[in-house]
Structure formats: C-alpha cells, structure tokens
All heavy atoms as atom14 arrays in JSON, in Angstrom:
{
  "sequence": "GFTQEGEYFVCKLHKSLYELKQSPRAWNQKLNVFLKNIEFVRSDAD",
  "atom14_mask": [
    [1, 1, 1, 1, 0, 0, 0, 0, 0, 0, 0, 0, 0, 0],
    [1, 1, 1, 1, 1, 1, 1, 1, 1, 1, 1, 0, 0, 0],
    [1, 1, 1, 1, 1, 1, 1, 0, 0, 0, 0, 0, 0, 0],
    [1, 1, 1, 1, 1, 1, 1, 1, 1, 0, 0, 0, 0, 0],
    [1, 1, 1, 1, 1, 1, 1, 1, 1, 0, 0, 0, 0, 0],
    [1, 1, 1, 1, 0, 0, 0, 0, 0, 0, 0, 0, 0, 0],
    [1, 1, 1, 1, 1, 1, 1, 1, 1, 0, 0, 0, 0, 0],
    [1, 1, 1, 1, 1, 1, 1, 1, 1, 1, 1, 1, 0, 0],
    [1, 1, 1, 1, 1, 1, 1, 1, 1, 1, 1, 0, 0, 0],
    [1, 1, 1, 1, 1, 1, 1, 0, 0, 0, 0, 0, 0, 0],
    [1, 1, 1, 1, 1, 1, 0, 0, 0, 0, 0, 0, 0, 0],
    [1, 1, 1, 1, 1, 1, 1, 1, 1, 0, 0, 0, 0, 0],
    [1, 1, 1, 1, 1, 1, 1, 1, 0, 0, 0, 0, 0, 0],
    [1, 1, 1, 1, 1, 1, 1, 1, 1, 1, 0, 0, 0, 0],
    [1, 1, 1, 1, 1, 1, 1, 1, 1, 0, 0, 0, 0, 0],
    [1, 1, 1, 1, 1, 1, 0, 0, 0, 0, 0, 0, 0, 0],
    [1, 1, 1, 1, 1, 1, 1, 1, 0, 0, 0, 0, 0, 0],
    [1, 1, 1, 1, 1, 1, 1, 1, 1, 1, 1, 1, 0, 0],
    [1, 1, 1, 1, 1, 1, 1, 1, 1, 0, 0, 0, 0, 0],
    [1, 1, 1, 1, 1, 1, 1, 1, 0, 0, 0, 0, 0, 0],
    [1, 1, 1, 1, 1, 1, 1, 1, 1, 0, 0, 0, 0, 0],
    [1, 1, 1, 1, 1, 1, 1, 1, 1, 0, 0, 0, 0, 0],
    [1, 1, 1, 1, 1, 1, 0, 0, 0, 0, 0, 0, 0, 0],
    [1, 1, 1, 1, 1, 1, 1, 0, 0, 0, 0, 0, 0, 0],
    [1, 1, 1, 1, 1, 1, 1, 1, 1, 1, 1, 0, 0, 0],
    [1, 1, 1, 1, 1, 0, 0, 0, 0, 0, 0, 0, 0, 0],
    [1, 1, 1, 1, 1, 1, 1, 1, 1, 1, 1, 1, 1, 1],
    [1, 1, 1, 1, 1, 1, 1, 1, 0, 0, 0, 0, 0, 0],
    [1, 1, 1, 1, 1, 1, 1, 1, 1, 0, 0, 0, 0, 0],
    [1, 1, 1, 1, 1, 1, 1, 1, 1, 0, 0, 0, 0, 0],
    [1, 1, 1, 1, 1, 1, 1, 1, 0, 0, 0, 0, 0, 0],
    [1, 1, 1, 1, 1, 1, 1, 1, 0, 0, 0, 0, 0, 0],
    [1, 1, 1, 1, 1, 1, 1, 0, 0, 0, 0, 0, 0, 0],
    [1, 1, 1, 1, 1, 1, 1, 1, 1, 1, 1, 0, 0, 0],
    [1, 1, 1, 1, 1, 1, 1, 1, 0, 0, 0, 0, 0, 0],
    [1, 1, 1, 1, 1, 1, 1, 1, 1, 0, 0, 0, 0, 0],
    [1, 1, 1, 1, 1, 1, 1, 1, 0, 0, 0, 0, 0, 0],
    [1, 1, 1, 1, 1, 1, 1, 1, 0, 0, 0, 0, 0, 0],
    [1, 1, 1, 1, 1, 1, 1, 1, 1, 0, 0, 0, 0, 0],
    [1, 1, 1, 1, 1, 1, 1, 1, 1, 1, 1, 0, 0, 0],
    [1, 1, 1, 1, 1, 1, 1, 0, 0, 0, 0, 0, 0, 0],
    [1, 1, 1, 1, 1, 1, 1, 1, 1, 1, 1, 0, 0, 0],
    [1, 1, 1, 1, 1, 1, 0, 0, 0, 0, 0, 0, 0, 0],
    [1, 1, 1, 1, 1, 1, 1, 1, 0, 0, 0, 0, 0, 0],
    [1, 1, 1, 1, 1, 0, 0, 0, 0, 0, 0, 0, 0, 0],
    [1, 1, 1, 1, 1, 1, 1, 1, 0, 0, 0, 0, 0, 0]
  ],
  "atom14_positions": [
    [[22.64, 17.8, 3.1], [22.17, 19.14, 3.5], [21.12, 19.07, 4.68], [20.75, 19.94, 5.37], [0.0, 0.0, 0.0], [0.0, 0.0, 0.0], [0.0, 0.0, 0.0], [0.0, 0.0, 0.0], [0.0, 0.0, 0.0], [0.0, 0.0, 0.0], [0.0, 0.0, 0.0], [0.0, 0.0, 0.0], [0.0, 0.0, 0.0], [0.0, 0.0, 0.0]],
    [[20.64, 17.81, 4.96], [19.6, 17.68, 5.95], [20.19, 16.9, 7.15], [19.56, 16.52, 8.1], [18.34, 16.89, 5.5], [17.51, 17.65, 4.56], [17.68, 17.59, 3.18], [16.58, 18.54, 5.07], [16.9, 18.44, 2.42], [15.7, 19.3, 4.3], [16.01, 19.21, 2.93], [0.0, 0.0, 0.0], [0.0, 0.0, 0.0], [0.0, 0.0, 0.0]],
    [[21.52, 16.53, 7.08], [22.22, 15.77, 8.15], [23.07, 16.66, 9.06], [23.51, 17.76, 8.48], [23.08, 14.7, 7.5], [24.08, 15.35, 6.61], [22.27, 13.7, 6.78], [0.0, 0.0, 0.0], [0.0, 0.0, 0.0], [0.0, 0.0, 0.0], [0.0, 0.0, 0.0], [0.0, 0.0, 0.0], [0.0, 0.0, 0.0], [0.0, 0.0, 0.0]],
    [[23.25, 16.34, 10.26], [24.13, 17.09, 11.08], [25.31, 16.2, 11.36], [25.23, 14.94, 11.45], [23.48, 17.53, 12.41], [22.33, 18.46, 12.19], [21.74, 18.83, 13.55], [22.08, 18.38, 14.59], [20.75, 19.8, 13.33], [0.0, 0.0, 0.0], [0.0, 0.0, 0.0], [0.0, 0.0, 0.0], [0.0, 0.0, 0.0], [0.0, 0.0, 0.0]],
    [[26.39, 16.79, 11.49], [27.59, 16.02, 11.73], [27.56, 15.11, 12.89], [27.01, 15.56, 14.13], [28.88, 16.97, 11.88], [30.19, 16.21, 11.9], [31.41, 17.2, 11.86], [31.21, 18.27, 11.18], [32.32, 16.94, 12.51], [0.0, 0.0, 0.0], [0.0, 0.0, 0.0], [0.0, 0.0, 0.0], [0.0, 0.0, 0.0], [0.0, 0.0, 0.0]],
    [[27.86, 13.81, 12.77], [27.77, 12.91, 13.85], [26.44, 12.3, 14.08], [26.21, 11.34, 14.86], [0.0, 0.0, 0.0], [0.0, 0.0, 0.0], [0.0, 0.0, 0.0], [0.0, 0.0, 0.0], [0.0, 0.0, 0.0], [0.0, 0.0, 0.0], [0.0, 0.0, 0.0], [0.0, 0.0, 0.0], [0.0, 0.0, 0.0], [0.0, 0.0, 0.0]],
    [[25.29, 12.64, 13.31], [24.06, 12.06, 13.47], [23.7, 11.45, 12.12], [23.96, 11.9, 11.1], [22.95, 13.2, 13.74], [23.25, 13.83, 15.18], [22.1, 14.85, 15.43], [21.4, 15.2, 14.62], [21.91, 15.19, 16.75], [0.0, 0.0, 0.0], [0.0, 0.0, 0.0], [0.0, 0.0, 0.0], [0.0, 0.0, 0.0], [0.0, 0.0, 0.0]],
    [[23.02, 10.43, 12.23], [22.6, 9.59, 11.05], [21.11, 9.24, 11.29], [20.63, 8.61, 12.16], [23.49, 8.32, 11.03], [23.08, 7.43, 9.86], [23.58, 7.79, 8.45], [22.33, 6.41, 9.99], [23.07, 7.11, 7.37], [21.93, 5.56, 8.86], [22.34, 5.94, 7.58], [21.93, 5.19, 6.47], [0.0, 0.0, 0.0], [0.0, 0.0, 0.0]],
    [[20.29, 9.64, 10.2], [18.85, 9.52, 10.27], [18.55, 8.93, 8.96], [19.13, 9.08, 7.91], [18.04, 10.64, 10.53], [18.31, 11.33, 11.89], [19.18, 12.3, 12.15], [17.71, 10.68, 12.99], [19.39, 12.92, 13.31], [17.93, 11.29, 14.24], [18.69, 12.37, 14.4], [0.0, 0.0, 0.0], [0.0, 0.0, 0.0], [0.0, 0.0, 0.0]],
    [[17.3, 8.18, 9.02], [16.81, 7.72, 7.8], [15.4, 8.27, 7.62], [14.79, 8.65, 8.52], [16.72, 6.15, 7.61], [18.11, 5.65, 7.62], [15.93, 5.58, 8.71], [0.0, 0.0, 0.0], [0.0, 0.0, 0.0], [0.0, 0.0, 0.0], [0.0, 0.0, 0.0], [0.0, 0.0, 0.0], [0.0, 0.0, 0.0], [0.0, 0.0, 0.0]],
    [[14.87, 8.27, 6.31], [13.51, 8.71, 6.06], [12.69, 7.56, 5.68], [13.13, 6.76, 4.89], [13.52, 9.8, 4.99], [14.5, 11.24, 5.32], [0.0, 0.0, 0.0], [0.0, 0.0, 0.0], [0.0, 0.0, 0.0], [0.0, 0.0, 0.0], [0.0, 0.0, 0.0], [0.0, 0.0, 0.0], [0.0, 0.0, 0.0], [0.0, 0.0, 0.0]],
    [[11.39, 7.5, 6.2], [10.52, 6.52, 5.79], [9.69, 7.21, 4.61], [9.01, 8.21, 4.88], [9.62, 6.03, 6.89], [8.59, 4.97, 6.39], [7.63, 4.57, 7.61], [6.58, 3.59, 7.04], [5.73, 3.26, 8.17], [0.0, 0.0, 0.0], [0.0, 0.0, 0.0], [0.0, 0.0, 0.0], [0.0, 0.0, 0.0], [0.0, 0.0, 0.0]],
    [[9.58, 6.54, 3.56], [8.83, 7.08, 2.24], [7.33, 6.82, 2.44], [7.04, 5.61, 2.82], [9.37, 6.59, 1.07], [10.87, 6.94, 0.67], [11.32, 6.4, -0.62], [11.1, 8.35, 0.76], [0.0, 0.0, 0.0], [0.0, 0.0, 0.0], [0.0, 0.0, 0.0], [0.0, 0.0, 0.0], [0.0, 0.0, 0.0], [0.0, 0.0, 0.0]],
    [[6.58, 7.68, 2.14], [5.16, 7.47, 2.04], [4.57, 7.42, 0.73], [3.48, 6.87, 0.42], [4.37, 8.49, 2.84], [4.57, 8.61, 4.48], [4.02, 7.65, 5.24], [5.48, 9.31, 5.03], [4.55, 7.87, 6.42], [5.27, 8.94, 6.34], [0.0, 0.0, 0.0], [0.0, 0.0, 0.0], [0.0, 0.0, 0.0], [0.0, 0.0, 0.0]],
    [[5.32, 8.07, -0.21], [5.03, 8.04, -1.66], [6.27, 7.59, -2.48], [7.39, 7.64, -1.92], [4.58, 9.37, -2.04], [3.26, 9.86, -1.55], [2.16, 9.27, -2.28], [0.81, 9.97, -1.87], [-0.31, 9.34, -2.56], [0.0, 0.0, 0.0], [0.0, 0.0, 0.0], [0.0, 0.0, 0.0], [0.0, 0.0, 0.0], [0.0, 0.0, 0.0]],
    [[6.02, 7.3, -3.7], [7.13, 6.89, -4.5], [8.03, 8.13, -4.89], [7.53, 9.23, -4.84], [6.71, 6.04, -5.68], [5.94, 6.95, -6.57], [0.0, 0.0, 0.0], [0.0, 0.0, 0.0], [0.0, 0.0, 0.0], [0.0, 0.0, 0.0], [0.0, 0.0, 0.0], [0.0, 0.0, 0.0], [0.0, 0.0, 0.0], [0.0, 0.0, 0.0]],
    [[9.33, 7.79, -5.23], [10.16, 8.93, -5.69], [10.79, 8.31, -7.04], [10.84, 7.06, -7.29], [11.28, 9.06, -4.79], [10.95, 9.65, -3.41], [12.31, 9.63, -2.51], [10.47, 11.1, -3.58], [0.0, 0.0, 0.0], [0.0, 0.0, 0.0], [0.0, 0.0, 0.0], [0.0, 0.0, 0.0], [0.0, 0.0, 0.0], [0.0, 0.0, 0.0]],
    [[11.3, 9.29, -7.76], [12.12, 8.83, -9.02], [13.21, 8.04, -8.5], [13.8, 8.15, -7.41], [12.59, 10.09, -9.8], [11.4, 10.88, -10.41], [10.7, 11.85, -9.9], [11.07, 10.4, -11.73], [9.74, 12.51, -10.53], [10.07, 10.98, -12.45], [9.35, 11.97, -11.82], [8.28, 12.59, -12.52], [0.0, 0.0, 0.0], [0.0, 0.0, 0.0]],
    [[13.7, 7.13, -9.4], [14.82, 6.22, -9.22], [14.53, 5.05, -8.36], [15.29, 4.2, -8.13], [15.99, 6.96, -8.73], [16.48, 8.02, -9.75], [17.85, 8.59, -9.39], [18.6, 8.02, -8.59], [18.15, 9.77, -9.91], [0.0, 0.0, 0.0], [0.0, 0.0, 0.0], [0.0, 0.0, 0.0], [0.0, 0.0, 0.0], [0.0, 0.0, 0.0]],
    [[13.33, 4.9, -7.65], [12.98, 3.72, -6.99], [12.5, 2.63, -8.0], [11.73, 3.1, -8.98], [11.8, 3.99, -6.05], [11.94, 4.66, -4.76], [10.73, 4.79, -3.97], [13.09, 3.97, -3.9], [0.0, 0.0, 0.0], [0.0, 0.0, 0.0], [0.0, 0.0, 0.0], [0.0, 0.0, 0.0], [0.0, 0.0, 0.0], [0.0, 0.0, 0.0]],
    [[12.85, 1.4, -7.89], [12.38, 0.46, -8.81], [10.95, 0.25, -8.78], [10.35, -0.26, -9.69], [13.31, -0.81, -8.73], [13.03, -1.41, -7.37], [13.89, -2.71, -7.33], [13.74, -3.46, -5.98], [14.39, -4.56, -5.76], [0.0, 0.0, 0.0], [0.0, 0.0, 0.0], [0.0, 0.0, 0.0], [0.0, 0.0, 0.0], [0.0, 0.0, 0.0]],
    [[10.21, 0.57, -7.67], [8.85, 0.36, -7.46], [8.04, 1.49, -8.14], [6.72, 1.31, -8.27], [8.5, 0.26, -6.03], [9.14, -0.83, -5.22], [10.47, -0.5, -4.7], [11.11, 0.38, -5.19], [10.87, -1.38, -3.73], [0.0, 0.0, 0.0], [0.0, 0.0, 0.0], [0.0, 0.0, 0.0], [0.0, 0.0, 0.0], [0.0, 0.0, 0.0]],
    [[8.61, 2.55, -8.45], [7.91, 3.72, -8.84], [7.11, 3.62, -10.14], [5.84, 4.05, -10.15], [8.78, 4.93, -9.09], [9.31, 5.43, -7.83], [0.0, 0.0, 0.0], [0.0, 0.0, 0.0], [0.0, 0.0, 0.0], [0.0, 0.0, 0.0], [0.0, 0.0, 0.0], [0.0, 0.0, 0.0], [0.0, 0.0, 0.0], [0.0, 0.0, 0.0]],
    [[7.63, 3.05, -11.27], [6.69, 2.88, -12.36], [5.5, 1.95, -12.11], [4.32, 2.23, -12.59], [7.7, 2.17, -13.35], [9.02, 2.56, -12.98], [9.04, 2.58, -11.47], [0.0, 0.0, 0.0], [0.0, 0.0, 0.0], [0.0, 0.0, 0.0], [0.0, 0.0, 0.0], [0.0, 0.0, 0.0], [0.0, 0.0, 0.0], [0.0, 0.0, 0.0]],
    [[5.65, 0.99, -11.33], [4.63, 0.0, -11.04], [3.59, 0.81, -10.13], [2.34, 0.64, -10.37], [4.99, -1.25, -10.4], [3.94, -2.22, -10.07], [4.59, -3.61, -9.64], [3.58, -4.62, -9.57], [2.77, -4.83, -8.5], [2.98, -4.08, -7.35], [1.85, -5.77, -8.38], [0.0, 0.0, 0.0], [0.0, 0.0, 0.0], [0.0, 0.0, 0.0]],
    [[4.01, 1.51, -9.19], [3.12, 2.19, -8.28], [2.22, 3.33, -9.03], [1.01, 3.42, -8.92], [3.82, 2.91, -7.12], [0.0, 0.0, 0.0], [0.0, 0.0, 0.0], [0.0, 0.0, 0.0], [0.0, 0.0, 0.0], [0.0, 0.0, 0.0], [0.0, 0.0, 0.0], [0.0, 0.0, 0.0], [0.0, 0.0, 0.0], [0.0, 0.0, 0.0]],
    [[2.93, 3.96, -9.95], [2.23, 4.86, -10.84], [1.11, 4.24, -11.65], [0.1, 4.61, -11.95], [3.11, 5.68, -11.59], [2.69, 6.14, -13.01], [2.86, 5.86, -14.11], [1.6, 7.21, -13.05], [2.15, 6.51, -15.11], [1.42, 7.42, -14.47], [0.85, 8.08, -12.19], [0.47, 8.29, -14.95], [0.0, 8.96, -12.66], [-0.29, 9.08, -14.04]],
    [[1.55, 3.13, -12.37], [0.74, 2.43, -13.25], [-0.47, 1.85, -12.42], [-1.7, 1.98, -12.98], [1.51, 1.28, -13.93], [0.7, 0.8, -15.08], [-0.15, -0.04, -15.07], [1.03, 1.16, -16.3], [0.0, 0.0, 0.0], [0.0, 0.0, 0.0], [0.0, 0.0, 0.0], [0.0, 0.0, 0.0], [0.0, 0.0, 0.0], [0.0, 0.0, 0.0]],
    [[-0.32, 1.38, -11.33], [-1.5, 0.87, -10.52], [-2.44, 2.02, -10.09], [-3.66, 1.81, -10.3], [-0.98, 0.14, -9.18], [-0.38, -1.26, -9.5], [0.2, -1.84, -8.31], [0.68, -1.19, -7.4], [0.01, -3.19, -8.24], [0.0, 0.0, 0.0], [0.0, 0.0, 0.0], [0.0, 0.0, 0.0], [0.0, 0.0, 0.0], [0.0, 0.0, 0.0]],
    [[-1.91, 3.16, -9.76], [-2.66, 4.23, -9.39], [-3.52, 4.78, -10.6], [-4.77, 5.11, -10.44], [-1.93, 5.3, -8.76], [-2.77, 6.46, -8.2], [-1.92, 7.27, -7.22], [-2.78, 8.2, -6.41], [-2.24, 8.63, -5.16], [0.0, 0.0, 0.0], [0.0, 0.0, 0.0], [0.0, 0.0, 0.0], [0.0, 0.0, 0.0], [0.0, 0.0, 0.0]],
    [[-2.88, 4.77, -11.76], [-3.55, 5.28, -12.92], [-4.54, 4.27, -13.36], [-5.68, 4.68, -13.7], [-2.53, 5.4, -14.09], [-3.1, 5.87, -15.39], [-3.72, 7.19, -15.39], [-2.15, 5.87, -16.49], [0.0, 0.0, 0.0], [0.0, 0.0, 0.0], [0.0, 0.0, 0.0], [0.0, 0.0, 0.0], [0.0, 0.0, 0.0], [0.0, 0.0, 0.0]],
    [[-4.3, 3.01, -13.34], [-5.36, 2.01, -13.71], [-6.6, 2.12, -12.8], [-7.65, 1.93, -13.31], [-4.75, 0.59, -13.59], [-3.74, 0.25, -14.66], [-3.76, 0.85, -15.81], [-2.88, -0.59, -14.38], [0.0, 0.0, 0.0], [0.0, 0.0, 0.0], [0.0, 0.0, 0.0], [0.0, 0.0, 0.0], [0.0, 0.0, 0.0], [0.0, 0.0, 0.0]],
    [[-6.38, 2.27, -11.5], [-7.53, 2.4, -10.57], [-8.41, 3.71, -11.0], [-9.5, 3.64, -10.96], [-7.12, 2.46, -9.13], [-8.23, 2.91, -8.19], [-6.58, 1.11, -8.69], [0.0, 0.0, 0.0], [0.0, 0.0, 0.0], [0.0, 0.0, 0.0], [0.0, 0.0, 0.0], [0.0, 0.0, 0.0], [0.0, 0.0, 0.0], [0.0, 0.0, 0.0]],
    [[-7.65, 4.74, -11.21], [-8.44, 6.04, -11.64], [-9.07, 5.83, -12.87], [-10.34, 6.15, -12.93], [-7.39, 7.18, -11.66], [-7.95, 8.4, -12.3], [-8.87, 9.19, -11.52], [-7.86, 8.69, -13.69], [-9.44, 10.33, -12.04], [-8.45, 9.85, -14.18], [-9.21, 10.58, -13.4], [0.0, 0.0, 0.0], [0.0, 0.0, 0.0], [0.0, 0.0, 0.0]],
    [[-8.59, 5.17, -13.91], [-9.19, 5.03, -15.15], [-10.47, 4.0, -14.96], [-11.52, 4.29, -15.65], [-8.22, 4.55, -16.27], [-7.14, 5.51, -16.74], [-6.23, 4.96, -17.57], [-7.86, 6.84, -17.27], [0.0, 0.0, 0.0], [0.0, 0.0, 0.0], [0.0, 0.0, 0.0], [0.0, 0.0, 0.0], [0.0, 0.0, 0.0], [0.0, 0.0, 0.0]],
    [[-10.21, 3.09, -14.26], [-11.33, 2.05, -13.98], [-12.52, 2.8, -13.32], [-13.72, 2.6, -13.65], [-10.89, 0.99, -13.19], [-11.79, -0.12, -13.0], [-11.29, -1.28, -12.24], [-12.24, -2.4, -12.06], [-11.72, -3.44, -11.38], [0.0, 0.0, 0.0], [0.0, 0.0, 0.0], [0.0, 0.0, 0.0], [0.0, 0.0, 0.0], [0.0, 0.0, 0.0]],
    [[-12.28, 3.77, -12.35], [-13.27, 4.54, -11.64], [-14.08, 5.46, -12.69], [-15.13, 5.87, -12.31], [-12.69, 5.28, -10.54], [-12.31, 4.44, -9.36], [-12.89, 3.29, -9.2], [-11.42, 4.92, -8.47], [0.0, 0.0, 0.0], [0.0, 0.0, 0.0], [0.0, 0.0, 0.0], [0.0, 0.0, 0.0], [0.0, 0.0, 0.0], [0.0, 0.0, 0.0]],
    [[-13.46, 5.8, -13.76], [-14.14, 6.7, -14.68], [-14.52, 5.97, -15.94], [-14.68, 6.44, -16.96], [-13.38, 7.93, -15.07], [-12.02, 7.63, -15.72], [-13.1, 8.89, -13.9], [-11.34, 8.86, -16.32], [0.0, 0.0, 0.0], [0.0, 0.0, 0.0], [0.0, 0.0, 0.0], [0.0, 0.0, 0.0], [0.0, 0.0, 0.0], [0.0, 0.0, 0.0]],
    [[-14.79, 4.53, -15.72], [-15.43, 3.74, -16.76], [-14.47, 3.28, -17.89], [-15.04, 2.8, -18.82], [-16.64, 4.34, -17.26], [-17.73, 4.87, -16.22], [-18.34, 3.66, -15.53], [-18.71, 2.69, -16.12], [-18.63, 3.79, -14.34], [0.0, 0.0, 0.0], [0.0, 0.0, 0.0], [0.0, 0.0, 0.0], [0.0, 0.0, 0.0], [0.0, 0.0, 0.0]],
    [[-13.3, 3.38, -17.7], [-12.37, 2.9, -18.74], [-12.06, 1.44, -18.48], [-11.91, 1.01, -17.36], [-11.05, 3.73, -18.89], [-11.1, 4.96, -19.76], [-11.6, 6.12, -19.26], [-10.7, 4.87, -21.05], [-11.69, 7.24, -19.94], [-10.8, 5.99, -21.93], [-11.29, 7.25, -21.32], [0.0, 0.0, 0.0], [0.0, 0.0, 0.0], [0.0, 0.0, 0.0]],
    [[-11.83, 0.66, -19.51], [-11.56, -0.76, -19.39], [-10.23, -1.0, -20.09], [-9.99, -0.52, -21.13], [-12.65, -1.66, -20.17], [-12.25, -3.08, -20.07], [-14.02, -1.35, -19.46], [0.0, 0.0, 0.0], [0.0, 0.0, 0.0], [0.0, 0.0, 0.0], [0.0, 0.0, 0.0], [0.0, 0.0, 0.0], [0.0, 0.0, 0.0], [0.0, 0.0, 0.0]],
    [[-9.34, -1.88, -19.4], [-8.1, -2.11, -19.97], [-8.2, -3.11, -21.09], [-8.9, -4.15, -21.02], [-7.28, -2.74, -18.78], [-5.8, -2.38, -18.83], [-5.17, -2.85, -17.6], [-3.74, -2.54, -17.62], [-3.07, -2.92, -16.66], [-3.41, -3.61, -15.61], [-1.73, -2.57, -16.78], [0.0, 0.0, 0.0], [0.0, 0.0, 0.0], [0.0, 0.0, 0.0]],
    [[-7.5, -2.84, -22.1], [-7.5, -3.7, -23.29], [-6.87, -5.05, -23.05], [-5.76, -5.17, -22.33], [-6.83, -3.05, -24.5], [-6.48, -4.04, -25.41], [0.0, 0.0, 0.0], [0.0, 0.0, 0.0], [0.0, 0.0, 0.0], [0.0, 0.0, 0.0], [0.0, 0.0, 0.0], [0.0, 0.0, 0.0], [0.0, 0.0, 0.0], [0.0, 0.0, 0.0]],
    [[-7.34, -6.15, -23.42], [-6.79, -7.5, -23.26], [-5.59, -7.67, -24.15], [-4.71, -8.35, -23.88], [-7.82, -8.61, -23.52], [-8.89, -8.63, -22.46], [-8.59, -8.33, -21.23], [-9.98, -9.19, -22.65], [0.0, 0.0, 0.0], [0.0, 0.0, 0.0], [0.0, 0.0, 0.0], [0.0, 0.0, 0.0], [0.0, 0.0, 0.0], [0.0, 0.0, 0.0]],
    [[-5.62, -7.03, -25.37], [-4.59, -7.03, -26.38], [-3.31, -6.31, -25.92], [-2.21, -6.64, -26.15], [-5.13, -6.66, -27.66], [0.0, 0.0, 0.0], [0.0, 0.0, 0.0], [0.0, 0.0, 0.0], [0.0, 0.0, 0.0], [0.0, 0.0, 0.0], [0.0, 0.0, 0.0], [0.0, 0.0, 0.0], [0.0, 0.0, 0.0], [0.0, 0.0, 0.0]],
    [[-3.58, -5.2, -25.2], [-2.38, -4.29, -24.83], [-2.84, -3.67, -23.5], [-3.68, -2.81, -23.55], [-2.04, -3.31, -25.94], [-0.88, -2.51, -25.61], [-0.39, -2.44, -24.44], [-0.26, -1.93, -26.6], [0.0, 0.0, 0.0], [0.0, 0.0, 0.0], [0.0, 0.0, 0.0], [0.0, 0.0, 0.0], [0.0, 0.0, 0.0], [0.0, 0.0, 0.0]]
  ]
}
C-alpha cells in the first residue's frame, strides 16, 4: 500500500517492531535501564 508500481524502496527502522527477533531484547534492555533509574535492583536469582 506504500509502494508504487515499478518503484522499490526500503525503510530504515529507528525503533523495534513486532516480529523482529531483536524486539524482546530491546524492550527488556530499555525496561531494565528504567527500573535501575528508579532504584530497582535486578535479582541475581532470577
């Protein structure tokens, strides 16, 4: 729906999307940084 006949373009992603294999890790890293900033500590056990 965003393509025109005879033209081929690609999009560079700036944020993760569903179905990217990197998405769960990117989300988890962002959440960990946020929680650390508000004084939460990650458990060594889990």
